[in-house]
Every structure is written in structure tokens, then in C-alpha cells.
Amino acid sequence: MQLSLFGEVEARSIEQRKQLLKWIGNKQRFANEIVSCFPPTFNTYFEPFLGSGAVLGTLAPKKAVGSDIFDPLIKIWQALKDDPETLKQWYTKRWEEMTSGEKVEEYEKIKASYNASPNPADLLFLCRSCYGGVVRFRQKDGYMSTPCGAHKPMPPKSFSHRVDNWKEYTEGTEFSLLDYREAMSKARPGDLIYCDPPYSHSQAILYGAQSFNLNDLLDIIRQCKLRGVYVALSIDGTKRSGNFLCDIPIPEGLFEQEVFVNVGRSMLKRFQMDGRTLEGEVVSDRLLLTY
């Protein structure tokens, strides 16, 4: 059982998936814990801040809408849905380029190609080969700035197998380029929405985070709740941003349950601290449930 400020949430055993994409704020390692808190039955599943799709892939719903405002990212997911062999070819071509030459130099060429013209093929490989999977963008112009990672990128054969698995997990999902407001407006009574928005204190360097307004999202969640839609929201819990302890006020009565999910040490903080100790930087997300 998972402790909640409002009672207890029954945990269900959910298989943990291996990630297709690496992404900042990725919930892959504890997506099964999040999914275990979802209602046992619901209609269509919505994930309007899709990112790596970790929760979507773990849940593997029969009918779903996965969406985001970031065009190159959504085109990766649409390729998975419509033409997975193209996804494999994108990855293999860039893997061969990196392994046939000097690793960092080839990585920088791929990154330069993406920055010259943002596209899903380059982004796919960059997110799996960049430092710590921290895909970050310069706020003023969207320039992807993360350096090459120390690890060896996954071989194409293994990635191909991963693509086949995720094609199966997302068989019932429609992927759309949508603002979260538009995506959530499509939900009907009995549907389930899982929101994992950019965290206000830690992700200002990430795409779209600088224009994201939590109060707007909370207003939309209230509207969804009133029309009978289930909503689960992941949000900052016990975490520091610099010397500031994140503590975001939530409107009273909006959520019925609150679960703390221990997500370990922040990958973004690991990147920012350049290898220094992360003791005291343990993160606990809050999972807020309207049901």
C-alpha cells in the first residue's frame, strides 16, 4: 500500500518497461508506481505532456491520446506508430556515423545538424547519446546544448528490438501535436488524464518550460474534474532548487489524494553539479489525484 495524506492508494503490480527515449524528468524507473495509483477502469487515456512516454508505455492502454507541443518529439512518436522501420533507420544511420569516426566530433555534427534544422531523426539519436539523457535547449532560441555522453549508445539491433516492443505498447495510441489545453479539452467523463508538466523550479532550461503556467493547468484540471474526468498530476514534492525548498501551493479541495513518490537523485541536478556529490538532493515527487 502507498501512503497518502488523504488515505491509502492500493498498489497494483505493473511490469517495468525499458525506455525508448531518454528525456529530462523521465518517469521510466517509477512509472509502474504511478500507474498503480490509476483507477482500475477508465475509458480513453490522455498524456498531454508526453516527453518520453514512460507512463504511457508502462500502462499500454487500449485507447489513448499522447500529445505534446514539441514538433520533432511528436514526429518521433508518429513514426513509431506509422513507420517503425524508418525510426530504426534514423537511429542506425547516426549510430554508424558516430562509431565510424571520433565519437565526440561525430556527435557534435549530429547536434549541429539538429540545431540548423530541428528534426525528429537527429533528436532521436541525440536523446539517447547525450550526457545523462538531459536533453536541454537554450531558452532564447531552442538551441540544443547538451554535450556528448560518456556512455556508448545502444547498438542498432538492441534499439530495433526496443522499437518493436514500444510499437506494441502504444498500439492503441494516437499521437498528436497539441497544446495541453486543447488535448485536455478532448477528455470526456470516465477518461483518465496523466499530467507530467515541466517542473517550475528546475526545468526553465527545457523546451516550453519558460511559458508554462501551473495555475492555468490547475484551472483546467478543475474543469476536467467537474465533468467527470479522472486526473493524476505529477508535481514538485520535496526537492531543492539551489537553496530553495520547492513547495508549491495547491488549491484546497481540487485533489482527493496525494502520494509521495521517491524518484531518487535529480538527473538535472547531477548535470548542473558536474559530478559533485548529490547527498541531500533526493527528489520526492507529489502525485496528486482528483479521485
C-alpha atoms as a PDB file:
ATOM      1  CA  MET A   1       0.000   0.000   0.000  1.00  0.00           C
ATOM      2  CA  GLN A   2       1.214   3.533  -0.736  1.00  0.00           C
ATOM      3  CA  LEU A   3       0.681   6.125   1.968  1.00  0.00           C
ATOM      4  CA  SER A   4      -1.352   9.195   1.099  1.00  0.00           C
ATOM      5  CA  LEU A   5      -2.248  12.308   3.025  1.00  0.00           C
ATOM      6  CA  PHE A   6      -5.899  11.525   2.329  1.00  0.00           C
ATOM      7  CA  GLY A   7      -5.900   7.763   2.912  1.00  0.00           C
ATOM      8  CA  GLU A   8      -4.323   4.859   1.102  1.00  0.00           C
ATOM      9  CA  VAL A   9      -3.911   4.009  -2.557  1.00  0.00           C
ATOM     10  CA  GLU A  10      -3.984   0.348  -3.475  1.00  0.00           C
ATOM     11  CA  ALA A  11      -0.796  -0.585  -5.349  1.00  0.00           C
ATOM     12  CA  ARG A  12      -1.050  -2.968  -8.313  1.00  0.00           C
ATOM     13  CA  SER A  13       1.856  -4.927  -9.754  1.00  0.00           C
ATOM     14  CA  ILE A  14       2.829  -3.376 -13.116  1.00  0.00           C
ATOM     15  CA  GLU A  15       5.671  -4.555 -15.359  1.00  0.00           C
ATOM     16  CA  GLN A  16       8.508  -2.028 -15.685  1.00  0.00           C
ATOM     17  CA  ARG A  17       9.460  -1.150 -19.282  1.00  0.00           C
ATOM     18  CA  LYS A  18      12.841  -0.269 -20.726  1.00  0.00           C
ATOM     19  CA  GLN A  19      12.844   3.251 -22.132  1.00  0.00           C
ATOM     20  CA  LEU A  20      12.647   4.068 -25.822  1.00  0.00           C
ATOM     21  CA  LEU A  21      13.689   7.715 -25.408  1.00  0.00           C
ATOM     22  CA  LYS A  22      15.766   9.441 -22.760  1.00  0.00           C
ATOM     23  CA  TRP A  23      14.256  12.710 -21.564  1.00  0.00           C
ATOM     24  CA  ILE A  24      14.613  15.067 -18.638  1.00  0.00           C
ATOM     25  CA  GLY A  25      12.057  14.297 -15.951  1.00  0.00           C
ATOM     26  CA  ASN A  26      11.666  10.801 -17.406  1.00  0.00           C
ATOM     27  CA  LYS A  27       9.414   8.701 -15.120  1.00  0.00           C
ATOM     28  CA  GLN A  28      10.636   5.362 -16.501  1.00  0.00           C
ATOM     29  CA  ARG A  29      12.082   3.938 -13.275  1.00  0.00           C
ATOM     30  CA  PHE A  30       8.957   4.530 -11.234  1.00  0.00           C
ATOM     31  CA  ALA A  31       6.237   4.621 -13.887  1.00  0.00           C
ATOM     32  CA  ASN A  32       4.903   1.344 -12.521  1.00  0.00           C
ATOM     33  CA  GLU A  33       4.389   3.013  -9.122  1.00  0.00           C
ATOM     34  CA  ILE A  34       2.491   5.878 -10.755  1.00  0.00           C
ATOM     35  CA  VAL A  35       0.353   3.537 -12.859  1.00  0.00           C
ATOM     36  CA  SER A  36      -0.510   1.500  -9.767  1.00  0.00           C
ATOM     37  CA  CYS A  37      -2.350   4.596  -8.474  1.00  0.00           C
ATOM     38  CA  PHE A  38      -4.580   4.945 -11.542  1.00  0.00           C
ATOM     39  CA  PRO A  39      -8.265   3.967 -11.435  1.00  0.00           C
ATOM     40  CA  PRO A  40      -8.784   0.246 -12.123  1.00  0.00           C
ATOM     41  CA  THR A  41     -11.070   1.102 -15.056  1.00  0.00           C
ATOM     42  CA  PHE A  42     -11.318   4.118 -17.353  1.00  0.00           C
ATOM     43  CA  ASN A  43     -12.101   4.910 -20.976  1.00  0.00           C
ATOM     44  CA  THR A  44      -9.526   6.842 -23.053  1.00  0.00           C
ATOM     45  CA  TYR A  45      -6.137   7.668 -21.529  1.00  0.00           C
ATOM     46  CA  PHE A  46      -4.594  11.091 -22.211  1.00  0.00           C
ATOM     47  CA  GLU A  47      -0.987  12.131 -21.656  1.00  0.00           C
ATOM     48  CA  PRO A  48      -0.716  15.801 -22.738  1.00  0.00           C
ATOM     49  CA  PHE A  49       2.949  16.334 -21.703  1.00  0.00           C
ATOM     50  CA  LEU A  50       4.237  13.231 -23.451  1.00  0.00           C
ATOM     51  CA  GLY A  51       8.028  13.529 -23.306  1.00  0.00           C
ATOM     52  CA  SER A  52       9.495  10.017 -23.179  1.00  0.00           C
ATOM     53  CA  GLY A  53       6.061   8.427 -22.798  1.00  0.00           C
ATOM     54  CA  ALA A  54       7.272   6.368 -19.838  1.00  0.00           C
ATOM     55  CA  VAL A  55       3.900   6.179 -18.111  1.00  0.00           C
ATOM     56  CA  LEU A  56       2.067   5.616 -21.388  1.00  0.00           C
ATOM     57  CA  GLY A  57       4.340   2.694 -22.292  1.00  0.00           C
ATOM     58  CA  THR A  58       4.021   1.144 -18.842  1.00  0.00           C
ATOM     59  CA  LEU A  59       0.244   1.435 -18.866  1.00  0.00           C
ATOM     60  CA  ALA A  60      -0.101   0.269 -22.515  1.00  0.00           C
ATOM     61  CA  PRO A  61      -3.755   1.403 -22.688  1.00  0.00           C
ATOM     62  CA  LYS A  62      -6.202   0.040 -25.231  1.00  0.00           C
ATOM     63  CA  LYS A  63      -7.128   3.577 -26.332  1.00  0.00           C
ATOM     64  CA  ALA A  64      -5.029   6.693 -25.732  1.00  0.00           C
ATOM     65  CA  VAL A  65      -4.012  10.128 -26.956  1.00  0.00           C
ATOM     66  CA  GLY A  66      -0.367  11.080 -26.452  1.00  0.00           C
ATOM     67  CA  SER A  67       0.430  14.710 -27.211  1.00  0.00           C
ATOM     68  CA  ASP A  68       2.991  17.466 -26.829  1.00  0.00           C
ATOM     69  CA  ILE A  69       3.743  20.901 -28.292  1.00  0.00           C
ATOM     70  CA  PHE A  70       7.265  19.936 -29.407  1.00  0.00           C
ATOM     71  CA  ASP A  71       7.049  19.042 -33.103  1.00  0.00           C
ATOM     72  CA  PRO A  72      10.285  16.986 -33.517  1.00  0.00           C
ATOM     73  CA  LEU A  73       9.361  14.890 -30.475  1.00  0.00           C
ATOM     74  CA  ILE A  74       5.829  14.146 -31.679  1.00  0.00           C
ATOM     75  CA  LYS A  75       7.174  13.204 -35.105  1.00  0.00           C
ATOM     76  CA  ILE A  76       9.311  10.523 -33.420  1.00  0.00           C
ATOM     77  CA  TRP A  77       6.188   9.064 -31.821  1.00  0.00           C
ATOM     78  CA  GLN A  78       4.204   9.315 -35.046  1.00  0.00           C
ATOM     79  CA  ALA A  79       6.970   7.460 -36.872  1.00  0.00           C
ATOM     80  CA  LEU A  80       6.823   4.721 -34.232  1.00  0.00           C
ATOM     81  CA  LYS A  81       3.096   4.416 -34.870  1.00  0.00           C
ATOM     82  CA  ASP A  82       3.068   4.672 -38.671  1.00  0.00           C
ATOM     83  CA  ASP A  83       6.508   3.518 -39.860  1.00  0.00           C
ATOM     84  CA  PRO A  84       8.736   1.959 -37.168  1.00  0.00           C
ATOM     85  CA  GLU A  85      11.289   0.810 -39.758  1.00  0.00           C
ATOM     86  CA  THR A  86      12.034   4.471 -40.516  1.00  0.00           C
ATOM     87  CA  LEU A  87      12.668   5.042 -36.814  1.00  0.00           C
ATOM     88  CA  LYS A  88      15.198   2.198 -36.840  1.00  0.00           C
ATOM     89  CA  GLN A  89      16.889   3.601 -39.951  1.00  0.00           C
ATOM     90  CA  TRP A  90      17.195   7.078 -38.413  1.00  0.00           C
ATOM     91  CA  TYR A  91      18.939   5.644 -35.394  1.00  0.00           C
ATOM     92  CA  THR A  92      21.172   3.182 -37.287  1.00  0.00           C
ATOM     93  CA  LYS A  93      22.469   5.814 -39.720  1.00  0.00           C
ATOM     94  CA  ARG A  94      23.604   8.126 -36.927  1.00  0.00           C
ATOM     95  CA  TRP A  95      24.963   5.294 -34.783  1.00  0.00           C
ATOM     96  CA  GLU A  96      27.142   4.212 -37.720  1.00  0.00           C
ATOM     97  CA  GLU A  97      28.338   7.787 -38.239  1.00  0.00           C
ATOM     98  CA  MET A  98      29.331   8.101 -34.581  1.00  0.00           C
ATOM     99  CA  THR A  99      31.070   4.720 -34.346  1.00  0.00           C
ATOM    100  CA  SER A 100      32.950   5.103 -37.634  1.00  0.00           C
ATOM    101  CA  GLY A 101      34.725   8.287 -36.552  1.00  0.00           C
ATOM    102  CA  GLU A 102      35.770  10.195 -33.445  1.00  0.00           C
ATOM    103  CA  LYS A 103      32.820   9.900 -31.053  1.00  0.00           C
ATOM    104  CA  VAL A 104      32.509  13.477 -29.750  1.00  0.00           C
ATOM    105  CA  GLU A 105      33.237  15.022 -33.135  1.00  0.00           C
ATOM    106  CA  GLU A 106      30.540  12.937 -34.830  1.00  0.00           C
ATOM    107  CA  TYR A 107      28.082  13.683 -32.031  1.00  0.00           C
ATOM    108  CA  GLU A 108      28.694  17.417 -32.490  1.00  0.00           C
ATOM    109  CA  LYS A 109      27.994  17.067 -36.223  1.00  0.00           C
ATOM    110  CA  ILE A 110      24.649  15.446 -35.488  1.00  0.00           C
ATOM    111  CA  LYS A 111      23.848  18.126 -32.913  1.00  0.00           C
ATOM    112  CA  ALA A 112      24.794  20.852 -35.419  1.00  0.00           C
ATOM    113  CA  SER A 113      22.502  19.242 -37.980  1.00  0.00           C
ATOM    114  CA  TYR A 114      19.637  19.320 -35.498  1.00  0.00           C
ATOM    115  CA  ASN A 115      20.279  22.933 -34.486  1.00  0.00           C
ATOM    116  CA  ALA A 116      20.432  24.036 -38.118  1.00  0.00           C
ATOM    117  CA  SER A 117      17.025  22.475 -38.754  1.00  0.00           C
ATOM    118  CA  PRO A 118      15.256  20.787 -35.788  1.00  0.00           C
ATOM    119  CA  ASN A 119      14.096  17.356 -36.897  1.00  0.00           C
ATOM    120  CA  PRO A 120      12.986  14.040 -35.348  1.00  0.00           C
ATOM    121  CA  ALA A 121      15.765  11.892 -36.825  1.00  0.00           C
ATOM    122  CA  ASP A 122      18.613  13.823 -35.185  1.00  0.00           C
ATOM    123  CA  LEU A 123      16.684  14.336 -31.951  1.00  0.00           C
ATOM    124  CA  LEU A 124      16.042  10.606 -31.643  1.00  0.00           C
ATOM    125  CA  PHE A 125      19.749   9.802 -31.614  1.00  0.00           C
ATOM    126  CA  LEU A 126      20.797  12.827 -29.578  1.00  0.00           C
ATOM    127  CA  CYS A 127      18.412  11.988 -26.736  1.00  0.00           C
ATOM    128  CA  ARG A 128      19.954   8.535 -26.433  1.00  0.00           C
ATOM    129  CA  SER A 129      23.578   9.650 -26.737  1.00  0.00           C
ATOM    130  CA  CYS A 130      23.722  12.999 -24.898  1.00  0.00           C
ATOM    131  CA  TYR A 131      25.107  13.478 -21.402  1.00  0.00           C
ATOM    132  CA  GLY A 132      22.855  11.802 -18.830  1.00  0.00           C
ATOM    133  CA  GLY A 133      19.874  11.899 -21.167  1.00  0.00           C
ATOM    134  CA  VAL A 134      19.433  15.558 -20.157  1.00  0.00           C
ATOM    135  CA  VAL A 135      18.020  16.963 -23.391  1.00  0.00           C
ATOM    136  CA  ARG A 136      18.179  20.691 -22.752  1.00  0.00           C
ATOM    137  CA  PHE A 137      17.557  23.678 -25.013  1.00  0.00           C
ATOM    138  CA  ARG A 138      18.702  27.280 -24.853  1.00  0.00           C
ATOM    139  CA  GLN A 139      15.712  29.358 -23.845  1.00  0.00           C
ATOM    140  CA  LYS A 140      16.119  32.248 -26.284  1.00  0.00           C
ATOM    141  CA  ASP A 141      16.308  30.202 -29.494  1.00  0.00           C
ATOM    142  CA  GLY A 142      15.772  26.484 -28.780  1.00  0.00           C
ATOM    143  CA  TYR A 143      19.432  25.585 -29.406  1.00  0.00           C
ATOM    144  CA  MET A 144      20.106  22.024 -28.178  1.00  0.00           C
ATOM    145  CA  SER A 145      23.197  22.420 -25.965  1.00  0.00           C
ATOM    146  CA  THR A 146      23.808  19.118 -24.155  1.00  0.00           C
ATOM    147  CA  PRO A 147      27.290  17.649 -24.779  1.00  0.00           C
ATOM    148  CA  CYS A 148      28.051  14.056 -25.713  1.00  0.00           C
ATOM    149  CA  GLY A 149      27.584  11.435 -23.018  1.00  0.00           C
ATOM    150  CA  ALA A 150      30.334   9.191 -21.698  1.00  0.00           C
ATOM    151  CA  HIS A 151      28.297   6.032 -22.347  1.00  0.00           C
ATOM    152  CA  LYS A 152      28.198   4.031 -25.561  1.00  0.00           C
ATOM    153  CA  PRO A 153      24.876   4.478 -27.371  1.00  0.00           C
ATOM    154  CA  MET A 154      22.742   1.371 -27.665  1.00  0.00           C
ATOM    155  CA  PRO A 155      23.619  -0.798 -30.726  1.00  0.00           C
ATOM    156  CA  PRO A 156      21.055  -0.657 -33.563  1.00  0.00           C
ATOM    157  CA  LYS A 157      19.991  -4.277 -33.078  1.00  0.00           C
ATOM    158  CA  SER A 158      19.050  -3.609 -29.444  1.00  0.00           C
ATOM    159  CA  PHE A 159      17.337  -0.341 -30.354  1.00  0.00           C
ATOM    160  CA  SER A 160      15.388  -2.124 -33.084  1.00  0.00           C
ATOM    161  CA  HIS A 161      14.108  -4.613 -30.522  1.00  0.00           C
ATOM    162  CA  ARG A 162      13.148  -1.713 -28.246  1.00  0.00           C
ATOM    163  CA  VAL A 163      11.192  -0.106 -31.122  1.00  0.00           C
ATOM    164  CA  ASP A 164       9.277  -3.335 -31.738  1.00  0.00           C
ATOM    165  CA  ASN A 165       8.314  -3.534 -28.066  1.00  0.00           C
ATOM    166  CA  TRP A 166       7.157   0.084 -27.905  1.00  0.00           C
ATOM    167  CA  LYS A 167       5.192  -0.310 -31.117  1.00  0.00           C
ATOM    168  CA  GLU A 168       3.218  -2.982 -29.262  1.00  0.00           C
ATOM    169  CA  TYR A 169       2.860  -0.930 -26.053  1.00  0.00           C
ATOM    170  CA  THR A 170       1.428   2.044 -27.961  1.00  0.00           C
ATOM    171  CA  GLU A 171      -0.687   0.183 -30.498  1.00  0.00           C
ATOM    172  CA  GLY A 172      -3.872   1.863 -29.296  1.00  0.00           C
ATOM    173  CA  THR A 173      -2.405   5.371 -29.066  1.00  0.00           C
ATOM    174  CA  GLU A 174      -2.964   8.347 -31.352  1.00  0.00           C
ATOM    175  CA  PHE A 175      -0.050  10.819 -31.286  1.00  0.00           C
ATOM    176  CA  SER A 176      -0.889  14.478 -31.880  1.00  0.00           C
ATOM    177  CA  LEU A 177       0.844  17.845 -31.880  1.00  0.00           C
ATOM    178  CA  LEU A 178      -1.364  19.643 -29.355  1.00  0.00           C
ATOM    179  CA  ASP A 179      -1.138  22.237 -26.636  1.00  0.00           C
ATOM    180  CA  TYR A 180      -2.090  20.670 -23.293  1.00  0.00           C
ATOM    181  CA  ARG A 181      -5.189  22.863 -23.087  1.00  0.00           C
ATOM    182  CA  GLU A 182      -6.555  21.532 -26.362  1.00  0.00           C
ATOM    183  CA  ALA A 183      -5.607  17.941 -25.532  1.00  0.00           C
ATOM    184  CA  MET A 184      -7.309  18.011 -22.124  1.00  0.00           C
ATOM    185  CA  SER A 185     -10.443  19.607 -23.570  1.00  0.00           C
ATOM    186  CA  LYS A 186     -10.988  16.409 -25.563  1.00  0.00           C
ATOM    187  CA  ALA A 187     -11.338  14.232 -22.454  1.00  0.00           C
ATOM    188  CA  ARG A 188     -14.833  13.010 -21.613  1.00  0.00           C
ATOM    189  CA  PRO A 189     -16.442  11.591 -18.446  1.00  0.00           C
ATOM    190  CA  GLY A 190     -14.704   8.375 -17.432  1.00  0.00           C
ATOM    191  CA  ASP A 191     -11.475   9.230 -19.272  1.00  0.00           C
ATOM    192  CA  LEU A 192      -8.110   9.469 -17.473  1.00  0.00           C
ATOM    193  CA  ILE A 193      -5.513  12.218 -17.872  1.00  0.00           C
ATOM    194  CA  TYR A 194      -1.960  11.938 -16.535  1.00  0.00           C
ATOM    195  CA  CYS A 195      -0.127  15.289 -16.420  1.00  0.00           C
ATOM    196  CA  ASP A 196       3.643  15.478 -16.055  1.00  0.00           C
ATOM    197  CA  PRO A 197       4.333  19.158 -16.842  1.00  0.00           C
ATOM    198  CA  PRO A 198       7.718  20.934 -16.748  1.00  0.00           C
ATOM    199  CA  TYR A 199       8.570  21.492 -13.100  1.00  0.00           C
ATOM    200  CA  SER A 200       8.525  25.186 -12.329  1.00  0.00           C
ATOM    201  CA  HIS A 201      11.649  25.365 -10.150  1.00  0.00           C
ATOM    202  CA  SER A 202      14.005  23.085 -12.073  1.00  0.00           C
ATOM    203  CA  GLN A 203      13.190  22.962 -15.762  1.00  0.00           C
ATOM    204  CA  ALA A 204      13.395  26.523 -17.078  1.00  0.00           C
ATOM    205  CA  ILE A 205      16.110  25.335 -19.496  1.00  0.00           C
ATOM    206  CA  LEU A 206      13.756  22.843 -21.123  1.00  0.00           C
ATOM    207  CA  TYR A 207      11.548  23.320 -24.158  1.00  0.00           C
ATOM    208  CA  GLY A 208       8.387  25.272 -23.411  1.00  0.00           C
ATOM    209  CA  ALA A 209       9.007  25.438 -19.669  1.00  0.00           C
ATOM    210  CA  GLN A 210       9.528  29.200 -19.663  1.00  0.00           C
ATOM    211  CA  SER A 211       5.972  29.802 -20.892  1.00  0.00           C
ATOM    212  CA  PHE A 212       4.265  27.174 -18.767  1.00  0.00           C
ATOM    213  CA  ASN A 213       1.858  28.422 -16.094  1.00  0.00           C
ATOM    214  CA  LEU A 214       0.888  25.960 -13.358  1.00  0.00           C
ATOM    215  CA  ASN A 215      -2.175  27.959 -12.302  1.00  0.00           C
ATOM    216  CA  ASP A 216      -3.592  27.645 -15.816  1.00  0.00           C
ATOM    217  CA  LEU A 217      -3.136  23.874 -15.659  1.00  0.00           C
ATOM    218  CA  LEU A 218      -4.805  23.681 -12.247  1.00  0.00           C
ATOM    219  CA  ASP A 219      -7.813  25.593 -13.607  1.00  0.00           C
ATOM    220  CA  ILE A 220      -8.122  23.119 -16.482  1.00  0.00           C
ATOM    221  CA  ILE A 221      -7.797  20.173 -14.088  1.00  0.00           C
ATOM    222  CA  ARG A 222     -10.672  21.628 -12.072  1.00  0.00           C
ATOM    223  CA  GLN A 223     -12.807  21.812 -15.222  1.00  0.00           C
ATOM    224  CA  CYS A 224     -11.927  18.216 -16.078  1.00  0.00           C
ATOM    225  CA  LYS A 225     -12.846  17.024 -12.601  1.00  0.00           C
ATOM    226  CA  LEU A 226     -16.215  18.803 -12.773  1.00  0.00           C
ATOM    227  CA  ARG A 227     -17.130  16.960 -15.964  1.00  0.00           C
ATOM    228  CA  GLY A 228     -16.166  13.557 -14.571  1.00  0.00           C
ATOM    229  CA  VAL A 229     -12.639  13.107 -15.936  1.00  0.00           C
ATOM    230  CA  TYR A 230     -10.041  11.441 -13.705  1.00  0.00           C
ATOM    231  CA  VAL A 231      -6.801  13.451 -13.465  1.00  0.00           C
ATOM    232  CA  ALA A 232      -3.431  12.484 -11.975  1.00  0.00           C
ATOM    233  CA  LEU A 233      -0.755  15.184 -11.709  1.00  0.00           C
ATOM    234  CA  SER A 234       2.966  14.735 -11.038  1.00  0.00           C
ATOM    235  CA  ILE A 235       4.463  17.837  -9.466  1.00  0.00           C
ATOM    236  CA  ASP A 236       7.423  19.039  -7.395  1.00  0.00           C
ATOM    237  CA  GLY A 237       7.471  17.454  -3.969  1.00  0.00           C
ATOM    238  CA  THR A 238      10.379  17.557  -1.505  1.00  0.00           C
ATOM    239  CA  LYS A 239      13.207  18.916  -3.630  1.00  0.00           C
ATOM    240  CA  ARG A 240      15.610  21.837  -3.559  1.00  0.00           C
ATOM    241  CA  SER A 241      16.304  24.275  -6.362  1.00  0.00           C
ATOM    242  CA  GLY A 242      19.589  25.815  -5.283  1.00  0.00           C
ATOM    243  CA  ASN A 243      18.953  26.572  -1.617  1.00  0.00           C
ATOM    244  CA  PHE A 244      15.203  26.879  -2.074  1.00  0.00           C
ATOM    245  CA  LEU A 245      12.938  24.046  -0.944  1.00  0.00           C
ATOM    246  CA  CYS A 246      10.218  23.673  -3.559  1.00  0.00           C
ATOM    247  CA  ASP A 247       6.779  23.935  -2.022  1.00  0.00           C
ATOM    248  CA  ILE A 248       4.014  24.697  -4.492  1.00  0.00           C
ATOM    249  CA  PRO A 249       0.592  25.596  -3.032  1.00  0.00           C
ATOM    250  CA  ILE A 250      -2.317  23.529  -4.359  1.00  0.00           C
ATOM    251  CA  PRO A 251      -5.955  24.766  -4.222  1.00  0.00           C
ATOM    252  CA  GLU A 252      -7.851  23.125  -1.390  1.00  0.00           C
ATOM    253  CA  GLY A 253     -10.409  20.538  -2.472  1.00  0.00           C
ATOM    254  CA  LEU A 254      -9.084  20.059  -6.013  1.00  0.00           C
ATOM    255  CA  PHE A 255      -7.376  16.745  -5.296  1.00  0.00           C
ATOM    256  CA  GLU A 256      -8.723  13.864  -3.214  1.00  0.00           C
ATOM    257  CA  GLN A 257      -5.420  12.028  -2.655  1.00  0.00           C
ATOM    258  CA  GLU A 258      -1.710  12.863  -2.533  1.00  0.00           C
ATOM    259  CA  VAL A 259       1.046  10.270  -2.867  1.00  0.00           C
ATOM    260  CA  PHE A 260       4.772  10.920  -2.450  1.00  0.00           C
ATOM    261  CA  VAL A 261       6.897   9.062  -4.999  1.00  0.00           C
ATOM    262  CA  ASN A 262      10.619   8.772  -4.206  1.00  0.00           C
ATOM    263  CA  VAL A 263      12.375   9.350  -7.531  1.00  0.00           C
ATOM    264  CA  GLY A 264      15.985   9.259  -6.311  1.00  0.00           C
ATOM    265  CA  ARG A 265      18.503  11.949  -7.200  1.00  0.00           C
ATOM    266  CA  SER A 266      17.759  14.555  -9.829  1.00  0.00           C
ATOM    267  CA  MET A 267      19.478  13.963 -13.193  1.00  0.00           C
ATOM    268  CA  LEU A 268      19.195  17.680 -13.938  1.00  0.00           C
ATOM    269  CA  LYS A 269      20.937  18.490 -10.661  1.00  0.00           C
ATOM    270  CA  ARG A 270      23.592  15.850 -11.475  1.00  0.00           C
ATOM    271  CA  PHE A 271      24.240  17.672 -14.742  1.00  0.00           C
ATOM    272  CA  GLN A 272      24.330  21.108 -13.111  1.00  0.00           C
ATOM    273  CA  MET A 273      26.674  19.984 -10.295  1.00  0.00           C
ATOM    274  CA  ASP A 274      29.138  18.388 -12.749  1.00  0.00           C
ATOM    275  CA  GLY A 275      29.777  15.228 -10.783  1.00  0.00           C
ATOM    276  CA  ARG A 276      29.788  16.707  -7.267  1.00  0.00           C
ATOM    277  CA  THR A 277      28.041  14.808  -4.513  1.00  0.00           C
ATOM    278  CA  LEU A 278      24.262  14.658  -4.643  1.00  0.00           C
ATOM    279  CA  GLU A 279      23.725  13.822  -0.986  1.00  0.00           C
ATOM    280  CA  GLY A 280      20.786  15.905   0.157  1.00  0.00           C
ATOM    281  CA  GLU A 281      19.478  16.229  -3.413  1.00  0.00           C
ATOM    282  CA  VAL A 282      16.997  13.347  -3.218  1.00  0.00           C
ATOM    283  CA  VAL A 283      13.752  14.115  -5.012  1.00  0.00           C
ATOM    284  CA  SER A 284      10.237  13.166  -3.959  1.00  0.00           C
ATOM    285  CA  ASP A 285       7.517  13.950  -6.483  1.00  0.00           C
ATOM    286  CA  ARG A 286       3.951  14.519  -5.452  1.00  0.00           C
ATOM    287  CA  LEU A 287       1.333  12.528  -7.331  1.00  0.00           C
ATOM    288  CA  LEU A 288      -1.978  14.340  -6.907  1.00  0.00           C
ATOM    289  CA  LEU A 289      -5.215  12.520  -7.747  1.00  0.00           C
ATOM    290  CA  THR A 290      -8.653  14.050  -8.312  1.00  0.00           C
ATOM    291  CA  TYR A 291     -10.320  10.754  -7.361  1.00  0.00           C
END
